Amino acid sequence: MTTRSTKQKLFCYVDETGQDDRSEYFFVVAVVSEREQDALKGSLIRLEQQTKVGSKKWHKLRSPAREHFLELALNAQLAAGEVFFGRYEKPLPFFQPMVETLSKAILLLAAEDYQAVVYVDGIDRKKARELTAALRENGIKTQQVRSARDESEPLIRLADRWAGCIRGRFEGNEAAETLVIRAIEISYLIEV
């Protein structure tokens, strides 16, 4: 008789903002989910079509469309409790906040026996290997970190939009501030 593996599989989608000189903070957002990915992705794509934001990134969308999309995602509880973020004062090494945010988010959801599959927006192979090694050194059980493009991955776009919104909150955007505070209060967004 063969037994099936009960290893938990976590899917992680990561984006960041704040590398530019205009921001005093660096923000990392990780969507970490163990549920059926196809259903969640399908719901996000339908919401993108409904709101007409399509596959555009946060900075390519105008207010109020970008906040409206996130408000509807929040109301529909799409990825609720699975969107984690970290905010870090600059200057700092690029990988430190990514490793820290990902590690904390994964460990909050991980069972004893798990495997994390990590997708990072636009990461090159060399940096992906470095991030993989850093996560493993931090005790995270992960396969090799992979690159994903926001044009083809709705969960990377969700991470991008929340990253932009969170950054907006700390740069004085009132609509973003209201949205982020509400998302944190109902545990949709979790700061790690």
Protein backbone atom coordinates (compact mmCIF):
# COMPACT_ATOMS: atom_id res chain seq x y z
CA MET A 1 0.00 0.00 0.00
CA THR A 2 1.38 3.39 -0.95
CA THR A 3 0.71 6.49 1.07
CA ARG A 4 0.20 9.90 -0.45
CA SER A 5 2.37 12.78 0.56
CA THR A 6 0.67 15.26 2.84
CA LYS A 7 3.26 17.94 2.20
CA GLN A 8 1.66 21.38 2.15
CA LYS A 9 2.40 23.37 -1.00
CA LEU A 10 2.51 27.14 -0.66
CA PHE A 11 2.49 29.40 -3.71
CA CYS A 12 4.15 32.78 -3.20
CA TYR A 13 3.92 35.78 -5.56
CA VAL A 14 6.19 38.72 -4.77
CA ASP A 15 6.56 42.28 -5.96
CA GLU A 16 8.23 45.35 -4.49
CA THR A 17 8.35 49.10 -4.84
CA GLY A 18 10.52 51.89 -3.53
CA GLN A 19 13.91 51.23 -5.10
CA ASP A 20 13.78 54.68 -6.69
CA ASP A 21 15.12 57.81 -5.01
CA ARG A 22 11.65 59.34 -4.57
CA SER A 23 10.68 56.89 -1.84
CA GLU A 24 12.11 56.86 1.67
CA TYR A 25 10.79 53.32 2.18
CA PHE A 26 11.16 50.02 0.39
CA PHE A 27 7.96 47.92 0.32
CA VAL A 28 7.62 44.19 -0.34
CA VAL A 29 4.27 42.47 -0.89
CA ALA A 30 3.93 38.69 -0.92
CA VAL A 31 0.71 36.88 -1.77
CA VAL A 32 1.09 33.46 -0.11
CA SER A 33 -1.62 30.91 -0.79
CA GLU A 34 -2.14 27.19 -0.48
CA ARG A 35 -5.57 27.01 -2.05
CA GLU A 36 -6.47 26.19 -5.63
CA GLN A 37 -4.57 28.73 -7.70
CA ASP A 38 -6.67 28.49 -10.87
CA ALA A 39 -9.89 29.57 -9.14
CA LEU A 40 -8.21 32.56 -7.45
CA LYS A 41 -6.48 33.61 -10.68
CA GLY A 42 -9.75 33.28 -12.60
CA SER A 43 -11.54 35.49 -10.07
CA LEU A 44 -8.82 38.13 -10.33
CA ILE A 45 -8.90 38.10 -14.14
CA ARG A 46 -12.71 38.49 -14.13
CA LEU A 47 -12.37 41.43 -11.72
CA GLU A 48 -9.72 43.00 -13.97
CA GLN A 49 -12.10 42.69 -16.91
CA GLN A 50 -15.08 43.99 -14.94
CA THR A 51 -13.19 47.07 -13.73
CA LYS A 52 -11.42 47.53 -17.07
CA VAL A 53 -7.97 47.73 -15.43
CA GLY A 54 -6.79 44.77 -17.48
CA SER A 55 -3.23 43.69 -16.83
CA LYS A 56 -1.89 47.18 -16.15
CA LYS A 57 0.46 47.75 -13.24
CA TRP A 58 -0.41 50.17 -10.41
CA HIS A 59 1.70 53.05 -11.72
CA LYS A 60 0.12 52.76 -15.19
CA LEU A 61 -3.41 53.06 -13.81
CA ARG A 62 -5.09 56.28 -12.79
CA SER A 63 -7.04 56.99 -9.64
CA PRO A 64 -9.77 56.12 -8.85
CA ALA A 65 -9.67 53.00 -11.10
CA ARG A 66 -6.70 51.46 -9.32
CA GLU A 67 -8.17 51.94 -5.83
CA HIS A 68 -11.58 50.76 -7.08
CA PHE A 69 -10.06 47.46 -8.26
CA LEU A 70 -8.46 46.85 -4.85
CA GLU A 71 -11.61 47.87 -3.02
CA LEU A 72 -13.62 45.31 -5.00
CA ALA A 73 -10.94 42.64 -4.40
CA LEU A 74 -11.11 43.49 -0.70
CA ASN A 75 -14.93 43.34 -0.65
CA ALA A 76 -14.86 39.98 -2.47
CA GLN A 77 -12.18 38.77 -0.03
CA LEU A 78 -9.95 37.66 -2.95
CA ALA A 79 -6.74 36.39 -1.29
CA ALA A 80 -7.96 37.64 2.11
CA GLY A 81 -5.44 36.89 4.83
CA GLU A 82 -2.91 35.88 2.18
CA VAL A 83 -1.49 39.31 1.31
CA PHE A 84 1.54 40.16 3.44
CA PHE A 85 3.71 43.24 3.35
CA GLY A 86 6.83 44.67 4.86
CA ARG A 87 7.95 48.30 4.99
CA TYR A 88 11.64 49.09 5.38
CA GLU A 89 13.49 52.37 5.79
CA LYS A 90 16.14 52.95 3.17
CA PRO A 91 18.98 52.57 2.49
CA LEU A 92 19.31 48.82 2.92
CA PRO A 93 20.44 45.77 0.92
CA PHE A 94 17.88 44.74 -1.71
CA PHE A 95 17.48 41.11 -0.60
CA GLN A 96 17.12 41.70 3.12
CA PRO A 97 13.51 42.95 2.96
CA MET A 98 12.50 40.33 0.39
CA VAL A 99 13.93 37.48 2.46
CA GLU A 100 12.46 38.86 5.68
CA THR A 101 8.97 39.51 4.31
CA LEU A 102 8.78 36.18 2.48
CA SER A 103 10.14 34.20 5.41
CA LYS A 104 7.71 35.70 7.91
CA ALA A 105 4.73 35.32 5.56
CA ILE A 106 5.53 31.71 4.68
CA LEU A 107 6.11 30.69 8.28
CA LEU A 108 2.76 32.21 9.34
CA LEU A 109 0.94 29.84 6.96
CA ALA A 110 3.29 26.85 6.80
CA ALA A 111 2.51 23.47 8.27
CA GLU A 112 5.37 21.38 9.64
CA ASP A 113 5.92 19.67 6.28
CA TYR A 114 5.68 22.20 3.47
CA GLN A 115 7.28 23.31 0.22
CA ALA A 116 7.14 26.92 -0.99
CA VAL A 117 7.07 27.77 -4.67
CA VAL A 118 8.17 31.40 -5.06
CA TYR A 119 7.55 33.65 -8.08
CA VAL A 120 9.13 37.12 -8.15
CA ASP A 121 8.22 39.81 -10.64
CA GLY A 122 10.94 40.10 -13.29
CA ILE A 123 13.81 38.60 -11.29
CA ASP A 124 16.78 37.43 -13.38
CA ARG A 125 18.32 33.95 -13.02
CA LYS A 126 21.35 35.06 -11.01
CA LYS A 127 19.27 37.01 -8.50
CA ALA A 128 16.74 34.13 -8.36
CA ARG A 129 19.54 31.73 -7.35
CA GLU A 130 20.78 34.22 -4.74
CA LEU A 131 17.28 34.68 -3.32
CA THR A 132 16.73 30.90 -3.27
CA ALA A 133 19.97 30.44 -1.29
CA ALA A 134 19.09 33.29 1.11
CA LEU A 135 15.63 31.84 1.79
CA ARG A 136 17.08 28.38 2.43
CA GLU A 137 19.70 29.88 4.76
CA ASN A 138 16.77 31.46 6.58
CA GLY A 139 15.20 28.02 7.07
CA ILE A 140 12.57 28.29 4.32
CA LYS A 141 11.83 25.09 2.42
CA THR A 142 11.65 26.29 -1.15
CA GLN A 143 12.27 25.12 -4.65
CA GLN A 144 14.22 27.47 -6.87
CA VAL A 145 12.78 30.99 -6.99
CA ARG A 146 11.24 31.65 -10.40
CA SER A 147 10.62 34.75 -12.44
CA ALA A 148 7.06 35.69 -13.33
CA ARG A 149 5.91 38.59 -15.48
CA ASP A 150 2.99 40.70 -14.35
CA GLU A 151 1.66 40.66 -17.92
CA SER A 152 0.88 36.96 -17.58
CA GLU A 153 0.42 36.42 -13.84
CA PRO A 154 -2.65 37.89 -12.07
CA LEU A 155 -1.28 37.22 -8.59
CA ILE A 156 1.91 39.17 -9.37
CA ARG A 157 -0.36 42.00 -10.54
CA LEU A 158 -2.29 41.79 -7.26
CA ALA A 159 1.00 42.03 -5.31
CA ASP A 160 2.07 44.96 -7.53
CA ARG A 161 -1.19 46.83 -6.96
CA TRP A 162 -1.10 46.36 -3.19
CA ALA A 163 2.57 47.42 -3.14
CA GLY A 164 1.67 50.61 -5.02
CA CYS A 165 -1.31 51.27 -2.76
CA ILE A 166 0.70 50.72 0.43
CA ARG A 167 3.42 53.01 -0.89
CA GLY A 168 0.75 55.60 -1.71
CA ARG A 169 -0.48 55.46 1.86
CA PHE A 170 2.93 56.46 3.16
CA GLU A 171 3.27 59.19 0.52
CA GLY A 172 0.06 60.98 1.50
CA ASN A 173 -2.52 59.48 -0.91
CA GLU A 174 -5.75 59.67 1.13
CA ALA A 175 -7.66 57.09 -0.93
CA ALA A 176 -4.77 54.63 -0.58
CA GLU A 177 -4.51 55.32 3.14
CA THR A 178 -8.21 54.64 3.71
CA LEU A 179 -8.03 51.42 1.70
CA VAL A 180 -4.88 50.10 3.41
CA ILE A 181 -6.13 50.90 6.91
CA ARG A 182 -9.43 49.12 6.20
CA ALA A 183 -7.61 46.10 4.71
CA ILE A 184 -5.38 45.82 7.78
CA GLU A 185 -8.31 46.23 10.20
CA ILE A 186 -10.18 43.27 8.67
CA SER A 187 -6.97 41.19 8.36
CA TYR A 188 -7.05 41.14 4.58
CA LEU A 189 -3.57 42.69 4.59
CA ILE A 190 -1.05 41.52 7.17
CA GLU A 191 2.07 43.48 8.02
CA VAL A 192 5.02 41.24 8.87
